[in-house]
Amino acid sequence: MSTTDREIHYDNRFRLQKWDVVGEWDDNHKKISDGLVVARSEERCPIFGDIVPYKSLTIVCKEDELGDALYWLSYVHGGGHSREKKLNDGRIAIRSDYQAW
């Protein structure tokens, strides 16, 4: 089994894919989508009301997407999240911080 085959098989276990959570960029580093991200590094976060730290981000997901979202945030940032908040509409906001310093 090639690496590509393993990655496809592994990724198919998740309903959300990496780009669904953290967004997607093209080969020229132009943003295609935001995914679940509501604020990125150095932007004001509408959920927590602060400036998002360097290389961090805030996402908002449905409760049934939480497991997939946490997996991909850990995959991208190399660790757990620092803040979590349940919103009035039942969704969950998560602040994920880059851990691979």
C-alpha atoms as a PDB file:
ATOM      1  CA  MET A   1       0.000   0.000   0.000  1.00  0.00           C
ATOM      2  CA  SER A   2       1.453   3.361  -1.000  1.00  0.00           C
ATOM      3  CA  THR A   3       1.624   6.347   1.330  1.00  0.00           C
ATOM      4  CA  THR A   4      -1.190   7.996  -0.617  1.00  0.00           C
ATOM      5  CA  ASP A   5      -3.379   4.904  -0.211  1.00  0.00           C
ATOM      6  CA  ARG A   6      -2.698   4.826   3.556  1.00  0.00           C
ATOM      7  CA  GLU A   7      -3.476   8.542   3.912  1.00  0.00           C
ATOM      8  CA  ILE A   8      -6.719   8.202   1.977  1.00  0.00           C
ATOM      9  CA  HIS A   9      -7.774   5.161   4.031  1.00  0.00           C
ATOM     10  CA  TYR A  10      -6.858   6.876   7.308  1.00  0.00           C
ATOM     11  CA  ASP A  11      -8.517  10.182   6.450  1.00  0.00           C
ATOM     12  CA  ASN A  12     -11.752   8.445   5.424  1.00  0.00           C
ATOM     13  CA  ARG A  13     -12.360   7.524   9.073  1.00  0.00           C
ATOM     14  CA  PHE A  14     -13.293  11.140   9.715  1.00  0.00           C
ATOM     15  CA  ARG A  15     -16.403  12.953   8.605  1.00  0.00           C
ATOM     16  CA  LEU A  16     -14.463  16.257   8.630  1.00  0.00           C
ATOM     17  CA  GLN A  17     -11.192  16.538   6.752  1.00  0.00           C
ATOM     18  CA  LYS A  18      -8.293  18.818   7.673  1.00  0.00           C
ATOM     19  CA  TRP A  19      -9.352  21.560   5.236  1.00  0.00           C
ATOM     20  CA  ASP A  20     -12.927  21.437   6.602  1.00  0.00           C
ATOM     21  CA  VAL A  21     -11.538  22.459   9.996  1.00  0.00           C
ATOM     22  CA  VAL A  22      -8.591  24.794   9.342  1.00  0.00           C
ATOM     23  CA  GLY A  23      -9.352  25.955   5.798  1.00  0.00           C
ATOM     24  CA  GLU A  24      -7.589  25.395   2.528  1.00  0.00           C
ATOM     25  CA  TRP A  25      -4.972  27.207   0.456  1.00  0.00           C
ATOM     26  CA  ASP A  26      -3.936  26.723  -3.163  1.00  0.00           C
ATOM     27  CA  ASP A  27      -0.375  26.083  -4.365  1.00  0.00           C
ATOM     28  CA  ASN A  28       0.278  29.854  -4.457  1.00  0.00           C
ATOM     29  CA  HIS A  29      -0.706  30.193  -0.764  1.00  0.00           C
ATOM     30  CA  LYS A  30      -3.952  31.967  -1.611  1.00  0.00           C
ATOM     31  CA  LYS A  31      -6.756  31.108   0.826  1.00  0.00           C
ATOM     32  CA  ILE A  32      -9.562  29.101  -0.769  1.00  0.00           C
ATOM     33  CA  SER A  33     -11.719  28.615   2.336  1.00  0.00           C
ATOM     34  CA  ASP A  34     -11.792  29.361   6.066  1.00  0.00           C
ATOM     35  CA  GLY A  35     -13.121  25.986   7.175  1.00  0.00           C
ATOM     36  CA  LEU A  36     -14.492  26.297  10.732  1.00  0.00           C
ATOM     37  CA  VAL A  37     -12.100  29.131  11.594  1.00  0.00           C
ATOM     38  CA  VAL A  38     -13.662  32.353  12.915  1.00  0.00           C
ATOM     39  CA  ALA A  39     -10.365  34.076  13.849  1.00  0.00           C
ATOM     40  CA  ARG A  40      -6.691  33.490  13.067  1.00  0.00           C
ATOM     41  CA  SER A  41      -3.348  34.705  14.361  1.00  0.00           C
ATOM     42  CA  GLU A  42      -3.285  38.438  15.259  1.00  0.00           C
ATOM     43  CA  GLU A  43      -7.042  38.918  14.546  1.00  0.00           C
ATOM     44  CA  ARG A  44      -9.663  39.903  17.146  1.00  0.00           C
ATOM     45  CA  CYS A  45     -11.656  36.824  18.163  1.00  0.00           C
ATOM     46  CA  PRO A  46     -15.447  37.395  18.134  1.00  0.00           C
ATOM     47  CA  ILE A  47     -15.955  34.554  20.630  1.00  0.00           C
ATOM     48  CA  PHE A  48     -13.321  35.168  23.298  1.00  0.00           C
ATOM     49  CA  GLY A  49     -12.950  38.923  22.664  1.00  0.00           C
ATOM     50  CA  ASP A  50      -9.155  38.896  22.573  1.00  0.00           C
ATOM     51  CA  ILE A  51      -6.436  39.086  19.949  1.00  0.00           C
ATOM     52  CA  VAL A  52      -5.606  35.569  18.776  1.00  0.00           C
ATOM     53  CA  PRO A  53      -1.974  34.725  19.639  1.00  0.00           C
ATOM     54  CA  TYR A  54       0.651  34.070  16.962  1.00  0.00           C
ATOM     55  CA  LYS A  55      -0.070  30.893  14.941  1.00  0.00           C
ATOM     56  CA  SER A  56      -3.228  30.203  16.969  1.00  0.00           C
ATOM     57  CA  LEU A  57      -6.828  30.099  15.776  1.00  0.00           C
ATOM     58  CA  THR A  58     -10.391  29.869  17.013  1.00  0.00           C
ATOM     59  CA  ILE A  59     -12.894  27.516  15.415  1.00  0.00           C
ATOM     60  CA  VAL A  60     -16.594  26.970  15.983  1.00  0.00           C
ATOM     61  CA  CYS A  61     -18.040  23.506  15.383  1.00  0.00           C
ATOM     62  CA  LYS A  62     -21.183  21.511  16.056  1.00  0.00           C
ATOM     63  CA  GLU A  63     -21.067  19.236  19.086  1.00  0.00           C
ATOM     64  CA  ASP A  64     -21.119  16.109  16.897  1.00  0.00           C
ATOM     65  CA  GLU A  65     -18.080  17.434  14.957  1.00  0.00           C
ATOM     66  CA  LEU A  66     -15.999  18.012  18.096  1.00  0.00           C
ATOM     67  CA  GLY A  67     -13.985  14.769  17.938  1.00  0.00           C
ATOM     68  CA  ASP A  68     -12.938  15.301  14.328  1.00  0.00           C
ATOM     69  CA  ALA A  69     -12.198  18.984  14.924  1.00  0.00           C
ATOM     70  CA  LEU A  70     -10.012  18.254  17.965  1.00  0.00           C
ATOM     71  CA  TYR A  71      -8.129  15.559  16.047  1.00  0.00           C
ATOM     72  CA  TRP A  72      -7.298  17.921  13.165  1.00  0.00           C
ATOM     73  CA  LEU A  73      -6.383  20.803  15.467  1.00  0.00           C
ATOM     74  CA  SER A  74      -3.982  18.504  17.307  1.00  0.00           C
ATOM     75  CA  TYR A  75      -2.615  17.271  13.967  1.00  0.00           C
ATOM     76  CA  VAL A  76      -1.987  20.822  12.731  1.00  0.00           C
ATOM     77  CA  HIS A  77      -0.798  22.399  15.985  1.00  0.00           C
ATOM     78  CA  GLY A  78       0.934  19.463  17.656  1.00  0.00           C
ATOM     79  CA  GLY A  79      -1.043  19.511  20.877  1.00  0.00           C
ATOM     80  CA  GLY A  80      -4.265  20.241  22.705  1.00  0.00           C
ATOM     81  CA  HIS A  81      -6.365  23.369  22.839  1.00  0.00           C
ATOM     82  CA  SER A  82      -6.223  26.118  25.440  1.00  0.00           C
ATOM     83  CA  ARG A  83      -9.803  27.380  25.579  1.00  0.00           C
ATOM     84  CA  GLU A  84     -13.254  25.959  24.991  1.00  0.00           C
ATOM     85  CA  LYS A  85     -16.701  27.531  25.254  1.00  0.00           C
ATOM     86  CA  LYS A  86     -20.181  26.160  24.639  1.00  0.00           C
ATOM     87  CA  LEU A  87     -22.229  28.723  22.733  1.00  0.00           C
ATOM     88  CA  ASN A  88     -25.934  29.473  23.204  1.00  0.00           C
ATOM     89  CA  ASP A  89     -26.793  27.745  19.921  1.00  0.00           C
ATOM     90  CA  GLY A  90     -25.162  24.482  21.070  1.00  0.00           C
ATOM     91  CA  ARG A  91     -22.007  24.839  19.010  1.00  0.00           C
ATOM     92  CA  ILE A  92     -18.569  24.776  20.617  1.00  0.00           C
ATOM     93  CA  ALA A  93     -15.785  27.343  20.215  1.00  0.00           C
ATOM     94  CA  ILE A  94     -12.202  26.128  20.567  1.00  0.00           C
ATOM     95  CA  ARG A  95      -8.940  28.111  20.729  1.00  0.00           C
ATOM     96  CA  SER A  96      -6.107  26.021  19.365  1.00  0.00           C
ATOM     97  CA  ASP A  97      -2.510  27.100  19.929  1.00  0.00           C
ATOM     98  CA  TYR A  98       0.546  26.092  17.962  1.00  0.00           C
ATOM     99  CA  GLN A  99       2.568  23.713  20.176  1.00  0.00           C
ATOM    100  CA  ALA A 100       5.561  22.818  17.996  1.00  0.00           C
ATOM    101  CA  TRP A 101       7.874  25.646  19.062  1.00  0.00           C
END
